[in-house]
Amino acid sequence: MIEILDEMIELQRKKLFEFGRTLVPHLTPDDILQPNDFPELENHPFFRYEEGVLEGLLSARMALLASSVSF
């Protein structure tokens, strides 16, 4: 299950980065972590939506990992 989420996360990161580069051609993968530095990204609804999808996938991964840890 984690492997599937990891693959989905990687694909979503790639999708977000590629779309971000259409708005900001000199964008780097690290820039995706701080989109508020770029008004073109900060104010673009599709970018923000796709960023939310990525955050949801990351949250699901964390929850799944946390549920498998025994104390």
PDB file of N, CA and C in Angstrom:
ATOM      1  N   MET A   1       0.823  -1.204   0.000  1.00  0.00           N
ATOM      2  CA  MET A   1       0.000   0.000   0.000  1.00  0.00           C
ATOM      3  C   MET A   1       0.863   1.263   0.000  1.00  0.00           C
ATOM      4  N   ILE A   2       1.932   1.250   0.823  1.00  0.00           N
ATOM      5  CA  ILE A   2       2.823   2.410   0.873  1.00  0.00           C
ATOM      6  C   ILE A   2       3.469   2.636  -0.490  1.00  0.00           C
ATOM      7  N   GLU A   3       3.828   1.549  -1.164  1.00  0.00           N
ATOM      8  CA  GLU A   3       4.466   1.674  -2.473  1.00  0.00           C
ATOM      9  C   GLU A   3       3.535   2.352  -3.478  1.00  0.00           C
ATOM     10  N   ILE A   4       2.256   2.015  -3.412  1.00  0.00           N
ATOM     11  CA  ILE A   4       1.280   2.638  -4.317  1.00  0.00           C
ATOM     12  C   ILE A   4       1.169   4.130  -4.014  1.00  0.00           C
ATOM     13  N   LEU A   5       1.077   4.468  -2.739  1.00  0.00           N
ATOM     14  CA  LEU A   5       1.008   5.884  -2.362  1.00  0.00           C
ATOM     15  C   LEU A   5       2.275   6.626  -2.783  1.00  0.00           C
ATOM     16  N   ASP A   6       3.428   5.982  -2.599  1.00  0.00           N
ATOM     17  CA  ASP A   6       4.687   6.623  -3.013  1.00  0.00           C
ATOM     18  C   ASP A   6       4.685   6.921  -4.512  1.00  0.00           C
ATOM     19  N   GLU A   7       4.179   5.982  -5.291  1.00  0.00           N
ATOM     20  CA  GLU A   7       4.111   6.182  -6.741  1.00  0.00           C
ATOM     21  C   GLU A   7       3.141   7.314  -7.087  1.00  0.00           C
ATOM     22  N   MET A   8       1.997   7.335  -6.423  1.00  0.00           N
ATOM     23  CA  MET A   8       1.017   8.398  -6.663  1.00  0.00           C
ATOM     24  C   MET A   8       1.589   9.761  -6.267  1.00  0.00           C
ATOM     25  N   ILE A   9       2.310   9.803  -5.157  1.00  0.00           N
ATOM     26  CA  ILE A   9       2.923  11.057  -4.698  1.00  0.00           C
ATOM     27  C   ILE A   9       3.940  11.545  -5.709  1.00  0.00           C
ATOM     28  N   GLU A  10       4.774  10.646  -6.193  1.00  0.00           N
ATOM     29  CA  GLU A  10       5.794  11.035  -7.170  1.00  0.00           C
ATOM     30  C   GLU A  10       5.156  11.561  -8.457  1.00  0.00           C
ATOM     31  N   LEU A  11       4.122  10.892  -8.923  1.00  0.00           N
ATOM     32  CA  LEU A  11       3.427  11.348 -10.134  1.00  0.00           C
ATOM     33  C   LEU A  11       2.771  12.715  -9.920  1.00  0.00           C
ATOM     34  N   GLN A  12       2.187  12.920  -8.733  1.00  0.00           N
ATOM     35  CA  GLN A  12       1.549  14.203  -8.443  1.00  0.00           C
ATOM     36  C   GLN A  12       2.586  15.315  -8.342  1.00  0.00           C
ATOM     37  N   ARG A  13       3.731  15.029  -7.720  1.00  0.00           N
ATOM     38  CA  ARG A  13       4.811  16.024  -7.655  1.00  0.00           C
ATOM     39  C   ARG A  13       5.264  16.418  -9.056  1.00  0.00           C
ATOM     40  N   LYS A  14       5.415  15.412  -9.918  1.00  0.00           N
ATOM     41  CA  LYS A  14       5.834  15.675 -11.297  1.00  0.00           C
ATOM     42  C   LYS A  14       4.789  16.520 -12.017  1.00  0.00           C
ATOM     43  N   LYS A  15       3.528  16.178 -11.856  1.00  0.00           N
ATOM     44  CA  LYS A  15       2.438  16.929 -12.490  1.00  0.00           C
ATOM     45  C   LYS A  15       2.434  18.377 -12.002  1.00  0.00           C
ATOM     46  N   LEU A  16       2.574  18.566 -10.698  1.00  0.00           N
ATOM     47  CA  LEU A  16       2.575  19.903 -10.113  1.00  0.00           C
ATOM     48  C   LEU A  16       3.763  20.715 -10.621  1.00  0.00           C
ATOM     49  N   PHE A  17       4.935  20.105 -10.654  1.00  0.00           N
ATOM     50  CA  PHE A  17       6.134  20.787 -11.127  1.00  0.00           C
ATOM     51  C   PHE A  17       6.016  21.162 -12.602  1.00  0.00           C
ATOM     52  N   GLU A  18       5.567  20.226 -13.418  1.00  0.00           N
ATOM     53  CA  GLU A  18       5.438  20.513 -14.853  1.00  0.00           C
ATOM     54  C   GLU A  18       4.430  21.626 -15.105  1.00  0.00           C
ATOM     55  N   PHE A  19       3.317  21.614 -14.385  1.00  0.00           N
ATOM     56  CA  PHE A  19       2.359  22.697 -14.563  1.00  0.00           C
ATOM     57  C   PHE A  19       2.934  24.011 -14.050  1.00  0.00           C
ATOM     58  N   GLY A  20       3.602  23.966 -12.914  1.00  0.00           N
ATOM     59  CA  GLY A  20       4.230  25.166 -12.368  1.00  0.00           C
ATOM     60  C   GLY A  20       5.210  25.795 -13.345  1.00  0.00           C
ATOM     61  N   ARG A  21       5.922  24.965 -14.089  1.00  0.00           N
ATOM     62  CA  ARG A  21       6.884  25.489 -15.070  1.00  0.00           C
ATOM     63  C   ARG A  21       6.205  26.170 -16.242  1.00  0.00           C
ATOM     64  N   THR A  22       4.952  25.857 -16.490  1.00  0.00           N
ATOM     65  CA  THR A  22       4.242  26.582 -17.549  1.00  0.00           C
ATOM     66  C   THR A  22       3.954  28.015 -17.114  1.00  0.00           C
ATOM     67  N   LEU A  23       3.866  28.226 -15.801  1.00  0.00           N
ATOM     68  CA  LEU A  23       3.599  29.556 -15.265  1.00  0.00           C
ATOM     69  C   LEU A  23       4.884  30.307 -14.926  1.00  0.00           C
ATOM     70  N   VAL A  24       5.881  29.582 -14.424  1.00  0.00           N
ATOM     71  CA  VAL A  24       7.165  30.164 -14.027  1.00  0.00           C
ATOM     72  C   VAL A  24       8.255  29.275 -14.639  1.00  0.00           C
ATOM     73  N   PRO A  25       8.750  29.627 -15.830  1.00  0.00           N
ATOM     74  CA  PRO A  25       9.677  28.756 -16.560  1.00  0.00           C
ATOM     75  C   PRO A  25      10.959  28.393 -15.803  1.00  0.00           C
ATOM     76  N   HIS A  26      11.436  29.246 -14.940  1.00  0.00           N
ATOM     77  CA  HIS A  26      12.688  28.964 -14.222  1.00  0.00           C
ATOM     78  C   HIS A  26      12.469  28.258 -12.876  1.00  0.00           C
ATOM     79  N   LEU A  27      11.291  27.739 -12.657  1.00  0.00           N
ATOM     80  CA  LEU A  27      10.927  27.067 -11.414  1.00  0.00           C
ATOM     81  C   LEU A  27      11.812  25.842 -11.177  1.00  0.00           C
ATOM     82  N   THR A  28      12.197  25.626  -9.921  1.00  0.00           N
ATOM     83  CA  THR A  28      12.945  24.425  -9.545  1.00  0.00           C
ATOM     84  C   THR A  28      12.043  23.541  -8.682  1.00  0.00           C
ATOM     85  N   PRO A  29      12.399  22.273  -8.531  1.00  0.00           N
ATOM     86  CA  PRO A  29      11.578  21.411  -7.664  1.00  0.00           C
ATOM     87  C   PRO A  29      11.464  21.946  -6.231  1.00  0.00           C
ATOM     88  N   ASP A  30      12.493  22.572  -5.717  1.00  0.00           N
ATOM     89  CA  ASP A  30      12.422  23.152  -4.374  1.00  0.00           C
ATOM     90  C   ASP A  30      11.443  24.322  -4.306  1.00  0.00           C
ATOM     91  N   ASP A  31      11.289  25.046  -5.402  1.00  0.00           N
ATOM     92  CA  ASP A  31      10.367  26.184  -5.424  1.00  0.00           C
ATOM     93  C   ASP A  31       8.924  25.749  -5.203  1.00  0.00           C
ATOM     94  N   ILE A  32       8.613  24.525  -5.567  1.00  0.00           N
ATOM     95  CA  ILE A  32       7.258  24.005  -5.378  1.00  0.00           C
ATOM     96  C   ILE A  32       6.902  23.980  -3.890  1.00  0.00           C
ATOM     97  N   LEU A  33       7.924  23.851  -3.036  1.00  0.00           N
ATOM     98  CA  LEU A  33       7.681  23.810  -1.596  1.00  0.00           C
ATOM     99  C   LEU A  33       7.277  25.167  -1.032  1.00  0.00           C
ATOM    100  N   GLN A  34       7.601  26.235  -1.744  1.00  0.00           N
ATOM    101  CA  GLN A  34       7.276  27.601  -1.307  1.00  0.00           C
ATOM    102  C   GLN A  34       6.594  28.369  -2.438  1.00  0.00           C
ATOM    103  N   PRO A  35       5.411  27.940  -2.848  1.00  0.00           N
ATOM    104  CA  PRO A  35       4.760  28.618  -3.971  1.00  0.00           C
ATOM    105  C   PRO A  35       4.381  30.065  -3.664  1.00  0.00           C
ATOM    106  N   ASN A  36       4.315  30.423  -2.380  1.00  0.00           N
ATOM    107  CA  ASN A  36       3.963  31.797  -2.029  1.00  0.00           C
ATOM    108  C   ASN A  36       5.041  32.786  -2.460  1.00  0.00           C
ATOM    109  N   ASP A  37       6.222  32.300  -2.823  1.00  0.00           N
ATOM    110  CA  ASP A  37       7.279  33.171  -3.351  1.00  0.00           C
ATOM    111  C   ASP A  37       6.996  33.608  -4.784  1.00  0.00           C
ATOM    112  N   PHE A  38       6.029  32.974  -5.417  1.00  0.00           N
ATOM    113  CA  PHE A  38       5.706  33.246  -6.818  1.00  0.00           C
ATOM    114  C   PHE A  38       4.220  33.569  -6.940  1.00  0.00           C
ATOM    115  N   PRO A  39       3.882  34.833  -7.146  1.00  0.00           N
ATOM    116  CA  PRO A  39       2.460  35.201  -7.269  1.00  0.00           C
ATOM    117  C   PRO A  39       1.729  34.415  -8.350  1.00  0.00           C
ATOM    118  N   GLU A  40       2.441  34.033  -9.408  1.00  0.00           N
ATOM    119  CA  GLU A  40       1.815  33.277 -10.495  1.00  0.00           C
ATOM    120  C   GLU A  40       1.294  31.926  -9.992  1.00  0.00           C
ATOM    121  N   LEU A  41       2.001  31.349  -9.036  1.00  0.00           N
ATOM    122  CA  LEU A  41       1.575  30.072  -8.455  1.00  0.00           C
ATOM    123  C   LEU A  41       0.584  30.287  -7.321  1.00  0.00           C
ATOM    124  N   GLU A  42       0.906  31.213  -6.470  1.00  0.00           N
ATOM    125  CA  GLU A  42       0.092  31.502  -5.281  1.00  0.00           C
ATOM    126  C   GLU A  42      -1.355  31.810  -5.645  1.00  0.00           C
ATOM    127  N   ASN A  43      -1.551  32.498  -6.743  1.00  0.00           N
ATOM    128  CA  ASN A  43      -2.888  32.963  -7.113  1.00  0.00           C
ATOM    129  C   ASN A  43      -3.552  32.133  -8.203  1.00  0.00           C
ATOM    130  N   HIS A  44      -2.965  31.007  -8.563  1.00  0.00           N
ATOM    131  CA  HIS A  44      -3.532  30.192  -9.636  1.00  0.00           C
ATOM    132  C   HIS A  44      -4.364  29.047  -9.036  1.00  0.00           C
ATOM    133  N   PRO A  45      -5.673  29.039  -9.287  1.00  0.00           N
ATOM    134  CA  PRO A  45      -6.543  28.043  -8.643  1.00  0.00           C
ATOM    135  C   PRO A  45      -6.212  26.597  -9.017  1.00  0.00           C
ATOM    136  N   PHE A  46      -5.841  26.343 -10.262  1.00  0.00           N
ATOM    137  CA  PHE A  46      -5.525  24.972 -10.655  1.00  0.00           C
ATOM    138  C   PHE A  46      -4.254  24.499  -9.967  1.00  0.00           C
ATOM    139  N   PHE A  47      -3.247  25.350  -9.887  1.00  0.00           N
ATOM    140  CA  PHE A  47      -2.015  24.991  -9.189  1.00  0.00           C
ATOM    141  C   PHE A  47      -2.314  24.695  -7.724  1.00  0.00           C
ATOM    142  N   ARG A  48      -3.088  25.569  -7.081  1.00  0.00           N
ATOM    143  CA  ARG A  48      -3.404  25.383  -5.663  1.00  0.00           C
ATOM    144  C   ARG A  48      -4.215  24.108  -5.450  1.00  0.00           C
ATOM    145  N   TYR A  49      -5.114  23.788  -6.379  1.00  0.00           N
ATOM    146  CA  TYR A  49      -5.879  22.548  -6.276  1.00  0.00           C
ATOM    147  C   TYR A  49      -4.947  21.340  -6.340  1.00  0.00           C
ATOM    148  N   GLU A  50      -4.087  21.317  -7.339  1.00  0.00           N
ATOM    149  CA  GLU A  50      -3.159  20.201  -7.511  1.00  0.00           C
ATOM    150  C   GLU A  50      -2.196  20.095  -6.324  1.00  0.00           C
ATOM    151  N   GLU A  51      -1.823  21.221  -5.755  1.00  0.00           N
ATOM    152  CA  GLU A  51      -0.995  21.217  -4.554  1.00  0.00           C
ATOM    153  C   GLU A  51      -1.759  20.560  -3.398  1.00  0.00           C
ATOM    154  N   GLY A  52      -3.050  20.838  -3.304  1.00  0.00           N
ATOM    155  CA  GLY A  52      -3.893  20.220  -2.282  1.00  0.00           C
ATOM    156  C   GLY A  52      -4.010  18.714  -2.459  1.00  0.00           C
ATOM    157  N   VAL A  53      -4.082  18.266  -3.704  1.00  0.00           N
ATOM    158  CA  VAL A  53      -4.114  16.828  -3.973  1.00  0.00           C
ATOM    159  C   VAL A  53      -2.825  16.186  -3.462  1.00  0.00           C
ATOM    160  N   LEU A  54      -1.692  16.822  -3.741  1.00  0.00           N
ATOM    161  CA  LEU A  54      -0.412  16.308  -3.252  1.00  0.00           C
ATOM    162  C   LEU A  54      -0.389  16.246  -1.727  1.00  0.00           C
ATOM    163  N   GLU A  55      -0.852  17.293  -1.078  1.00  0.00           N
ATOM    164  CA  GLU A  55      -0.869  17.313   0.389  1.00  0.00           C
ATOM    165  C   GLU A  55      -1.776  16.225   0.945  1.00  0.00           C
ATOM    166  N   GLY A  56      -2.890  15.965   0.281  1.00  0.00           N
ATOM    167  CA  GLY A  56      -3.786  14.893   0.709  1.00  0.00           C
ATOM    168  C   GLY A  56      -3.119  13.524   0.608  1.00  0.00           C
ATOM    169  N   LEU A  57      -2.398  13.296  -0.477  1.00  0.00           N
ATOM    170  CA  LEU A  57      -1.676  12.037  -0.640  1.00  0.00           C
ATOM    171  C   LEU A  57      -0.599  11.881   0.442  1.00  0.00           C
ATOM    172  N   LEU A  58       0.114  12.962   0.726  1.00  0.00           N
ATOM    173  CA  LEU A  58       1.140  12.918   1.765  1.00  0.00           C
ATOM    174  C   LEU A  58       0.519  12.644   3.134  1.00  0.00           C
ATOM    175  N   SER A  59      -0.626  13.237   3.401  1.00  0.00           N
ATOM    176  CA  SER A  59      -1.321  13.004   4.670  1.00  0.00           C
ATOM    177  C   SER A  59      -1.784  11.552   4.783  1.00  0.00           C
ATOM    178  N   ALA A  60      -2.295  11.002   3.696  1.00  0.00           N
ATOM    179  CA  ALA A  60      -2.733   9.604   3.705  1.00  0.00           C
ATOM    180  C   ALA A  60      -1.546   8.680   3.964  1.00  0.00           C
ATOM    181  N   ARG A  61      -0.411   8.999   3.371  1.00  0.00           N
ATOM    182  CA  ARG A  61       0.795   8.185   3.591  1.00  0.00           C
ATOM    183  C   ARG A  61       1.217   8.232   5.062  1.00  0.00           C
ATOM    184  N   MET A  62       1.209   9.430   5.643  1.00  0.00           N
ATOM    185  CA  MET A  62       1.586   9.555   7.047  1.00  0.00           C
ATOM    186  C   MET A  62       0.625   8.788   7.944  1.00  0.00           C
ATOM    187  N   ALA A  63      -0.667   8.868   7.661  1.00  0.00           N
ATOM    188  CA  ALA A  63      -1.660   8.161   8.476  1.00  0.00           C
ATOM    189  C   ALA A  63      -1.474   6.650   8.371  1.00  0.00           C
ATOM    190  N   LEU A  64      -1.214   6.174   7.175  1.00  0.00           N
ATOM    191  CA  LEU A  64      -1.013   4.746   6.975  1.00  0.00           C
ATOM    192  C   LEU A  64       0.234   4.272   7.717  1.00  0.00           C
ATOM    193  N   LEU A  65       1.299   5.036   7.624  1.00  0.00           N
ATOM    194  CA  LEU A  65       2.522   4.678   8.342  1.00  0.00           C
ATOM    195  C   LEU A  65       2.305   4.704   9.860  1.00  0.00           C
ATOM    196  N   ALA A  66       1.598   5.727  10.333  1.00  0.00           N
ATOM    197  CA  ALA A  66       1.341   5.825  11.762  1.00  0.00           C
ATOM    198  C   ALA A  66       0.492   4.673  12.266  1.00  0.00           C
ATOM    199  N   SER A  67      -0.436   4.203  11.460  1.00  0.00           N
ATOM    200  CA  SER A  67      -1.305   3.112  11.904  1.00  0.00           C
ATOM    201  C   SER A  67      -0.565   1.777  11.961  1.00  0.00           C
ATOM    202  N   SER A  68       0.556   1.697  11.279  1.00  0.00           N
ATOM    203  CA  SER A  68       1.292   0.436  11.272  1.00  0.00           C
ATOM    204  C   SER A  68       2.371   0.381  12.344  1.00  0.00           C
ATOM    205  N   VAL A  69       2.555   1.479  13.083  1.00  0.00           N
ATOM    206  CA  VAL A  69       3.561   1.522  14.137  1.00  0.00           C
ATOM    207  C   VAL A  69       2.939   1.042  15.434  1.00  0.00           C
ATOM    208  N   SER A  70       3.598   0.096  16.080  1.00  0.00           N
ATOM    209  CA  SER A  70       3.097  -0.365  17.368  1.00  0.00           C
ATOM    210  C   SER A  70       4.006   0.162  18.474  1.00  0.00           C
ATOM    211  N   PHE A  71       3.386   0.610  19.528  1.00  0.00           N
ATOM    212  CA  PHE A  71       4.126   1.180  20.665  1.00  0.00           C
ATOM    213  C   PHE A  71       4.187   0.198  21.791  1.00  0.00           C
TER     214      PHE A  71
END
